[in-house]
């Protein structure tokens, strides 16, 4: 037990310490996911590219490896995101609407503007179904880049990005549920709803044994998968149903405890596994790829649309309502965060899988990788300058 506690110490209850712990984990997780993506790309484009494709399509039980990554590993990622979102809604930075108004508005416009840009670019015969690909922000990578480059940046800026990314993910999860569900199996849907209700009841009854929760979570995941809705929705739904307020006798809430235990698994195993399996795009086509409206729409959406939407939404709410930025940060700081919001990666790759098939899927994934790298580089340049500014006495 003492060994386990040294690896997973109880989280500090204070928000600043909690965010600090989270950023340290995401820094490592982001680096692992990036390394896994590079391995996937190199492997897919090497002389052993055939073995990479064989791995993706290797059948393991009811699913192949590609679907275990997208439907299984990412469900854990979204479960942790759901826990994080529930905590922010109840006891964190989203609990007071006035404090959350600016980053929430930034997130909403940060989803809408890149989607509209993509549609405009692809309006004349392009693949319109990819409109949601540039709409997502990758929490892990965005926070990892901010943590690495922004050691002197105000804590409020980290909270701003965290709120923006969590709300962004919630919107994209809703998009997946509504627009990428072809048909519903009502029997399995009823099973999924029943498991979620039972999960909520167990939480309310203060049942804590994993003997009940683990098989129930597996049943909920499979039921959602079989009913026709993307399986990751089960993860975020279960996370949102966890209890985040601790009782008097508890040191931490169940949601904090579970998130603290599963975050290293999510960021260190699940997301890198998905990156390895999904990022292996065969880079061919040369100039044709550069001129592909899908590629142009995704890259422009991430690099231009994301920061434009974030700044437009945040500034509009701050200008015309009583909401405002935290006094410790300015709009120049927000520009850097807005650029980081263009790092789509994990969720954008998932939406690429759902929206496309064949060559268009590979084109969209290549664009996601290019747009995410471009956004990260621009964000590092701006935030590096702001970090030096805040470090000046």
Protein backbone atom coordinates (compact mmCIF):
# COMPACT_ATOMS: atom_id res chain seq x y z
CA UNK A 1 0.00 0.00 0.00
CA UNK A 2 2.80 2.44 0.81
CA UNK A 3 4.37 1.69 -2.58
CA UNK A 4 1.07 2.45 -4.33
CA UNK A 5 0.67 5.70 -2.40
CA UNK A 6 4.17 6.79 -3.40
CA UNK A 7 3.21 6.32 -7.07
CA UNK A 8 -0.31 7.75 -6.73
CA UNK A 9 -0.31 10.13 -3.73
CA UNK A 10 -3.62 11.63 -2.68
CA UNK A 11 -4.28 14.84 -4.67
CA UNK A 12 -4.16 18.17 -2.91
CA UNK A 13 -7.62 19.67 -2.50
CA UNK A 14 -6.55 23.13 -3.57
CA UNK A 15 -7.30 24.03 -7.17
CA UNK A 16 -3.82 25.35 -7.94
CA UNK A 17 -2.09 22.18 -6.73
CA UNK A 18 -4.64 20.04 -8.55
CA UNK A 19 -4.00 21.87 -11.83
CA UNK A 20 -0.26 21.61 -11.28
CA UNK A 21 -0.48 17.82 -10.85
CA UNK A 22 -2.63 17.57 -13.96
CA UNK A 23 -0.20 19.59 -16.10
CA UNK A 24 2.75 17.45 -15.04
CA UNK A 25 0.93 14.31 -16.11
CA UNK A 26 -0.22 15.80 -19.41
CA UNK A 27 3.33 16.93 -20.21
CA UNK A 28 4.54 13.36 -20.02
CA UNK A 29 1.41 12.01 -21.70
CA UNK A 30 1.65 14.52 -24.54
CA UNK A 31 5.28 13.58 -25.17
CA UNK A 32 4.40 9.87 -25.21
CA UNK A 33 1.48 10.42 -27.59
CA UNK A 34 3.67 12.52 -29.90
CA UNK A 35 6.36 9.83 -29.89
CA UNK A 36 3.74 7.16 -30.63
CA UNK A 37 2.35 9.22 -33.52
CA UNK A 38 5.83 9.64 -35.02
CA UNK A 39 6.43 5.89 -34.72
CA UNK A 40 3.09 5.25 -36.45
CA UNK A 41 3.88 7.62 -39.34
CA UNK A 42 7.41 6.28 -39.84
CA UNK A 43 6.22 2.67 -39.59
CA UNK A 44 3.35 3.18 -42.06
CA UNK A 45 5.67 4.80 -44.60
CA UNK A 46 8.56 2.36 -44.20
CA UNK A 47 9.33 -0.89 -45.96
CA UNK A 48 7.39 -2.58 -43.14
CA UNK A 49 4.23 -0.59 -43.81
CA UNK A 50 2.33 -3.77 -44.57
CA UNK A 51 2.92 -5.06 -41.05
CA UNK A 52 1.52 -1.80 -39.67
CA UNK A 53 -1.69 -2.29 -41.63
CA UNK A 54 -1.80 -5.92 -40.51
CA UNK A 55 -1.56 -4.75 -36.89
CA UNK A 56 -4.41 -2.27 -37.32
CA UNK A 57 -6.69 -4.94 -38.77
CA UNK A 58 -5.67 -7.73 -36.41
CA UNK A 59 -8.81 -9.20 -34.85
CA UNK A 60 -8.76 -9.34 -31.04
CA UNK A 61 -12.03 -10.75 -29.81
CA UNK A 62 -15.05 -8.75 -31.00
CA UNK A 63 -13.02 -5.87 -32.51
CA UNK A 64 -9.83 -5.33 -34.47
CA UNK A 65 -6.92 -3.33 -33.08
CA UNK A 66 -7.96 -0.15 -34.92
CA UNK A 67 -11.40 -0.22 -33.28
CA UNK A 68 -9.99 -1.19 -29.87
CA UNK A 69 -7.93 2.01 -30.10
CA UNK A 70 -10.74 4.31 -31.29
CA UNK A 71 -13.66 2.73 -29.39
CA UNK A 72 -11.82 1.28 -26.41
CA UNK A 73 -8.73 3.30 -25.51
CA UNK A 74 -10.38 6.63 -26.25
CA UNK A 75 -13.34 5.67 -24.06
CA UNK A 76 -10.95 5.75 -21.10
CA UNK A 77 -9.64 9.13 -22.29
CA UNK A 78 -13.19 10.51 -22.49
CA UNK A 79 -14.07 9.00 -19.10
CA UNK A 80 -11.24 11.00 -17.53
CA UNK A 81 -12.36 14.06 -19.54
CA UNK A 82 -15.90 13.54 -18.21
CA UNK A 83 -14.60 13.37 -14.63
CA UNK A 84 -12.64 16.57 -15.23
CA UNK A 85 -15.63 18.32 -16.77
CA UNK A 86 -17.95 17.28 -13.91
CA UNK A 87 -15.45 18.56 -11.38
CA UNK A 88 -15.09 21.89 -13.16
CA UNK A 89 -18.88 22.27 -13.44
CA UNK A 90 -19.53 21.57 -9.76
CA UNK A 91 -16.52 22.77 -7.78
CA UNK A 92 -14.06 24.17 -10.31
CA UNK A 93 -13.68 27.01 -12.79
CA UNK A 94 -17.11 26.47 -14.41
CA UNK A 95 -19.15 26.58 -11.20
CA UNK A 96 -19.75 30.34 -11.48
CA UNK A 97 -21.11 31.38 -14.89
CA UNK A 98 -19.54 34.82 -14.65
CA UNK A 99 -16.04 33.35 -14.27
CA UNK A 100 -16.53 30.84 -17.05
CA UNK A 101 -18.34 33.06 -19.58
CA UNK A 102 -15.27 34.22 -21.53
CA UNK A 103 -13.55 30.82 -22.02
CA UNK A 104 -16.91 29.12 -22.66
CA UNK A 105 -17.79 31.64 -25.38
CA UNK A 106 -14.28 31.25 -26.76
CA UNK A 107 -14.79 27.47 -26.91
CA UNK A 108 -18.15 27.75 -28.70
CA UNK A 109 -16.83 30.10 -31.37
CA UNK A 110 -13.62 28.07 -31.52
CA UNK A 111 -15.71 25.12 -32.67
CA UNK A 112 -17.98 27.07 -35.04
CA UNK A 113 -15.47 29.21 -36.97
CA UNK A 114 -13.14 26.41 -38.16
CA UNK A 115 -16.16 24.30 -39.15
CA UNK A 116 -17.54 27.19 -41.20
CA UNK A 117 -14.16 27.83 -42.83
CA UNK A 118 -13.91 24.17 -43.78
CA UNK A 119 -17.40 24.24 -45.31
CA UNK A 120 -16.58 27.41 -47.26
CA UNK A 121 -13.39 25.91 -48.68
CA UNK A 122 -15.12 22.64 -49.62
CA UNK A 123 -18.34 24.22 -50.89
CA UNK A 124 -17.53 23.60 -54.57
CA UNK A 125 -17.43 19.84 -54.77
CA UNK A 126 -15.33 19.12 -51.69
CA UNK A 127 -15.98 16.56 -48.97
CA UNK A 128 -18.47 18.48 -46.84
CA UNK A 129 -18.80 15.68 -44.26
CA UNK A 130 -15.42 16.58 -42.77
CA UNK A 131 -16.63 19.87 -41.29
CA UNK A 132 -16.15 18.69 -37.69
CA UNK A 133 -12.55 17.52 -38.14
CA UNK A 134 -10.90 20.92 -37.39
CA UNK A 135 -13.41 21.74 -34.62
CA UNK A 136 -11.69 19.87 -31.78
CA UNK A 137 -8.92 20.86 -29.36
CA UNK A 138 -6.67 18.18 -27.90
CA UNK A 139 -6.57 18.70 -24.12
CA UNK A 140 -3.46 16.60 -23.55
CA UNK A 141 -1.26 18.22 -26.17
CA UNK A 142 -2.44 21.79 -25.59
CA UNK A 143 -1.82 21.57 -21.86
CA UNK A 144 1.51 19.79 -22.41
CA UNK A 145 2.79 22.57 -24.67
CA UNK A 146 1.58 25.26 -22.26
CA UNK A 147 3.23 23.50 -19.30
CA UNK A 148 6.56 23.19 -21.11
CA UNK A 149 6.79 26.71 -22.50
CA UNK A 150 4.91 28.68 -19.83
CA UNK A 151 6.64 28.22 -16.49
CA UNK A 152 6.16 31.92 -15.66
CA UNK A 153 2.69 32.38 -17.12
CA UNK A 154 -0.16 33.16 -14.71
CA UNK A 155 -2.10 30.19 -13.30
CA UNK A 156 -5.29 31.87 -14.54
CA UNK A 157 -4.12 31.36 -18.14
CA UNK A 158 -3.80 27.63 -17.54
CA UNK A 159 -7.30 27.61 -16.05
CA UNK A 160 -8.55 29.50 -19.13
CA UNK A 161 -7.11 26.89 -21.50
CA UNK A 162 -8.38 24.04 -19.34
CA UNK A 163 -11.92 25.45 -19.35
CA UNK A 164 -11.80 26.17 -23.08
CA UNK A 165 -10.53 22.67 -23.91
CA UNK A 166 -13.02 20.87 -21.65
CA UNK A 167 -16.01 22.77 -23.09
CA UNK A 168 -14.62 22.27 -26.60
CA UNK A 169 -14.45 18.51 -26.02
CA UNK A 170 -17.99 18.47 -24.62
CA UNK A 171 -19.30 20.18 -27.79
CA UNK A 172 -17.41 17.80 -30.08
CA UNK A 173 -18.66 14.80 -28.08
CA UNK A 174 -22.20 16.07 -28.68
CA UNK A 175 -21.38 16.46 -32.39
CA UNK A 176 -20.18 12.86 -32.52
CA UNK A 177 -23.35 11.65 -30.80
CA UNK A 178 -25.72 13.62 -33.05
CA UNK A 179 -24.05 13.69 -36.47
CA UNK A 180 -22.04 10.47 -36.56
CA UNK A 181 -24.72 8.03 -35.43
CA UNK A 182 -26.24 6.32 -38.46
CA UNK A 183 -28.90 4.20 -36.77
CA UNK A 184 -29.99 3.21 -33.27
CA UNK A 185 -30.64 -0.24 -31.88
CA UNK A 186 -33.32 0.57 -29.30
CA UNK A 187 -32.82 -2.63 -27.30
CA UNK A 188 -29.13 -1.96 -26.74
CA UNK A 189 -29.89 1.72 -26.15
CA UNK A 190 -32.25 0.68 -23.34
CA UNK A 191 -29.50 -1.48 -21.84
CA UNK A 192 -27.07 1.45 -22.03
CA UNK A 193 -29.53 3.81 -20.33
CA UNK A 194 -30.25 1.23 -17.63
CA UNK A 195 -26.56 0.79 -16.83
CA UNK A 196 -26.06 4.54 -16.61
CA UNK A 197 -29.03 4.87 -14.26
CA UNK A 198 -27.70 2.05 -12.08
CA UNK A 199 -24.27 3.71 -12.06
CA UNK A 200 -25.84 6.97 -10.84
CA UNK A 201 -27.86 5.14 -8.16
CA UNK A 202 -24.74 3.38 -6.86
CA UNK A 203 -23.00 6.74 -6.65
CA UNK A 204 -25.92 8.21 -4.74
CA UNK A 205 -25.95 5.23 -2.34
CA UNK A 206 -22.21 5.80 -1.70
CA UNK A 207 -21.27 2.34 -2.98
CA UNK A 208 -17.51 2.32 -3.54
CA UNK A 209 -16.49 -1.24 -4.45
CA UNK A 210 -14.94 -1.62 -7.92
CA UNK A 211 -16.37 -5.15 -8.05
CA UNK A 212 -19.66 -3.56 -9.14
CA UNK A 213 -18.39 -0.56 -11.08
CA UNK A 214 -15.89 -2.29 -13.39
CA UNK A 215 -18.30 -4.83 -14.94
CA UNK A 216 -21.03 -2.18 -15.06
CA UNK A 217 -18.73 0.18 -16.96
CA UNK A 218 -17.81 -2.59 -19.40
CA UNK A 219 -21.49 -3.39 -19.99
CA UNK A 220 -22.30 0.30 -20.52
CA UNK A 221 -19.44 0.62 -23.01
CA UNK A 222 -20.50 -2.42 -25.00
CA UNK A 223 -24.18 -1.44 -24.96
CA UNK A 224 -23.38 2.02 -26.31
CA UNK A 225 -21.13 0.49 -28.96
CA UNK A 226 -23.83 -1.97 -30.06
CA UNK A 227 -26.69 0.55 -30.06
CA UNK A 228 -24.99 2.53 -32.83
CA UNK A 229 -23.65 5.52 -30.86
CA UNK A 230 -19.88 5.90 -30.77
CA UNK A 231 -18.56 4.01 -27.74
CA UNK A 232 -16.62 7.00 -26.38
CA UNK A 233 -19.96 8.57 -25.40
CA UNK A 234 -20.21 5.90 -22.68
CA UNK A 235 -16.95 7.14 -21.20
CA UNK A 236 -17.97 10.78 -20.91
CA UNK A 237 -21.47 9.83 -19.64
CA UNK A 238 -20.05 7.65 -16.84
CA UNK A 239 -17.57 10.38 -15.93
CA UNK A 240 -20.33 13.00 -15.69
CA UNK A 241 -22.30 10.72 -13.34
CA UNK A 242 -19.49 10.40 -10.79
CA UNK A 243 -19.84 12.19 -7.46
CA UNK A 244 -17.46 15.15 -7.13
CA UNK A 245 -18.47 16.57 -3.75
CA UNK A 246 -16.80 14.75 -0.90
CA UNK A 247 -18.63 13.71 2.25
CA UNK A 248 -17.45 14.84 5.66
CA UNK A 249 -15.62 11.57 6.28
CA UNK A 250 -13.84 11.58 2.92
CA UNK A 251 -10.46 13.13 2.21
CA UNK A 252 -11.23 13.35 -1.52
CA UNK A 253 -14.33 12.76 -3.61
CA UNK A 254 -14.79 9.55 -5.65
CA UNK A 255 -14.31 11.49 -8.90
CA UNK A 256 -11.00 12.96 -7.72
CA UNK A 257 -9.77 9.60 -6.50
CA UNK A 258 -10.67 7.78 -9.72
CA UNK A 259 -9.32 10.57 -11.92
CA UNK A 260 -6.06 10.60 -9.99
CA UNK A 261 -5.69 6.84 -10.46
CA UNK A 262 -6.70 6.68 -14.14
CA UNK A 263 -5.06 9.84 -15.52
CA UNK A 264 -1.62 8.18 -15.85
CA UNK A 265 -3.24 5.19 -17.59
CA UNK A 266 -5.16 7.47 -19.95
CA UNK A 267 -2.32 9.83 -20.82
CA UNK A 268 0.47 7.24 -20.64
CA UNK A 269 -1.15 4.21 -22.31
CA UNK A 270 -4.59 4.83 -23.87
CA UNK A 271 -3.84 8.02 -25.82
CA UNK A 272 -0.39 6.89 -27.06
CA UNK A 273 -1.94 3.58 -28.17
CA UNK A 274 -4.60 5.45 -30.13
CA UNK A 275 -1.96 7.78 -31.60
CA UNK A 276 0.19 4.83 -32.71
CA UNK A 277 -2.72 3.05 -34.41
CA UNK A 278 -4.47 6.09 -35.91
CA UNK A 279 -1.68 8.47 -36.93
CA UNK A 280 0.01 6.11 -39.39
CA UNK A 281 -0.95 7.95 -42.56
CA UNK A 282 0.74 6.91 -45.80
CA UNK A 283 2.17 10.21 -47.04
CA UNK A 284 1.82 10.06 -50.80
CA UNK A 285 0.32 12.31 -53.40
CA UNK A 286 2.76 15.21 -53.16
CA UNK A 287 1.30 18.30 -54.79
CA UNK A 288 -2.12 16.69 -55.13
CA UNK A 289 -2.29 16.36 -51.36
CA UNK A 290 -1.37 20.02 -50.88
CA UNK A 291 -4.13 21.07 -53.29
CA UNK A 292 -6.74 18.75 -51.79
CA UNK A 293 -9.66 20.88 -50.45
CA UNK A 294 -10.01 18.49 -47.50
CA UNK A 295 -6.40 19.15 -46.51
CA UNK A 296 -6.72 22.89 -47.06
CA UNK A 297 -9.98 23.05 -45.12
CA UNK A 298 -8.61 21.14 -42.11
CA UNK A 299 -5.28 23.01 -41.97
CA UNK A 300 -6.89 26.44 -42.37
CA UNK A 301 -9.57 25.48 -39.86
CA UNK A 302 -7.01 24.49 -37.22
CA UNK A 303 -4.31 27.12 -37.80
CA UNK A 304 -6.55 30.10 -38.68
CA UNK A 305 -10.13 29.24 -37.73
CA UNK A 306 -9.45 27.98 -34.22
CA UNK A 307 -7.54 31.03 -32.91
CA UNK A 308 -9.87 33.42 -34.78
CA UNK A 309 -12.93 31.78 -33.25
CA UNK A 310 -11.47 31.66 -29.74
CA UNK A 311 -10.48 35.33 -29.83
CA UNK A 312 -13.75 36.44 -31.45
CA UNK A 313 -15.92 34.59 -28.94
CA UNK A 314 -13.92 35.61 -25.88
CA UNK A 315 -13.54 39.27 -26.88
CA UNK A 316 -17.22 39.66 -27.82
CA UNK A 317 -18.45 38.38 -24.46
CA UNK A 318 -15.90 40.47 -22.55
CA UNK A 319 -16.77 43.56 -24.58
CA UNK A 320 -20.55 43.42 -24.43
CA UNK A 321 -21.27 41.76 -21.06
CA UNK A 322 -20.07 42.10 -17.49
CA UNK A 323 -17.76 39.08 -17.92
CA UNK A 324 -14.03 39.73 -18.08
CA UNK A 325 -10.64 38.08 -18.13
CA UNK A 326 -8.82 37.37 -14.90
CA UNK A 327 -6.83 40.53 -13.97
CA UNK A 328 -3.54 38.61 -14.10
CA UNK A 329 -3.80 37.87 -17.84
CA UNK A 330 -4.21 40.02 -20.93
CA UNK A 331 -5.41 39.51 -24.47
CA UNK A 332 -1.87 38.98 -25.73
CA UNK A 333 -1.68 35.96 -23.42
CA UNK A 334 -5.00 34.72 -24.78
CA UNK A 335 -3.62 34.94 -28.34
CA UNK A 336 -1.06 32.29 -27.43
CA UNK A 337 -3.70 30.04 -25.87
CA UNK A 338 -5.96 30.56 -28.90
CA UNK A 339 -3.16 29.32 -31.15
CA UNK A 340 -2.70 26.23 -28.96
CA UNK A 341 -6.41 25.52 -29.36
CA UNK A 342 -5.60 24.63 -32.97
CA UNK A 343 -3.85 21.46 -31.78
CA UNK A 344 -6.56 19.00 -32.77
CA UNK A 345 -4.73 15.66 -32.85
CA UNK A 346 -6.54 13.01 -30.75
CA UNK A 347 -10.19 14.01 -31.19
CA UNK A 348 -9.65 15.36 -34.71
CA UNK A 349 -8.12 12.03 -35.75
CA UNK A 350 -11.15 10.29 -34.25
CA UNK A 351 -13.57 12.50 -36.18
CA UNK A 352 -11.51 11.86 -39.34
CA UNK A 353 -12.10 8.14 -38.84
CA UNK A 354 -15.83 8.71 -38.37
CA UNK A 355 -16.31 11.17 -41.24
CA UNK A 356 -14.23 9.59 -44.01
CA UNK A 357 -13.06 6.36 -45.53
CA UNK A 358 -10.32 5.54 -48.04
CA UNK A 359 -7.99 8.26 -49.42
CA UNK A 360 -10.03 11.11 -47.93
CA UNK A 361 -9.46 9.70 -44.44
CA UNK A 362 -5.68 9.64 -44.97
CA UNK A 363 -5.79 13.17 -46.40
CA UNK A 364 -7.76 14.44 -43.41
CA UNK A 365 -5.37 12.76 -40.96
CA UNK A 366 -2.32 14.18 -42.71
CA UNK A 367 -3.96 17.62 -42.52
CA UNK A 368 -4.69 17.16 -38.80
CA UNK A 369 -1.05 16.35 -38.13
CA UNK A 370 0.19 19.29 -40.20
CA UNK A 371 -2.32 21.75 -38.73
CA UNK A 372 -1.64 20.61 -35.16
CA UNK A 373 2.12 20.97 -35.59
CA UNK A 374 1.69 24.41 -37.15
CA UNK A 375 -0.59 25.55 -34.32
CA UNK A 376 1.82 24.23 -31.70
CA UNK A 377 4.79 26.05 -33.25
CA UNK A 378 2.91 29.36 -33.49
CA UNK A 379 1.62 28.95 -29.94
CA UNK A 380 5.13 28.27 -28.62
CA UNK A 381 6.48 31.40 -30.33
CA UNK A 382 3.80 33.67 -28.85
CA UNK A 383 3.69 32.10 -25.39
CA UNK A 384 7.49 31.98 -25.17
CA UNK A 385 7.52 35.75 -25.62
CA UNK A 386 4.72 36.19 -23.05
CA UNK A 387 6.53 33.89 -20.62
CA UNK A 388 9.61 36.11 -20.76
CA UNK A 389 7.37 39.16 -20.26
CA UNK A 390 5.80 37.69 -17.11
CA UNK A 391 9.22 36.61 -15.81
CA UNK A 392 10.44 40.22 -15.90
CA UNK A 393 10.27 41.77 -12.37
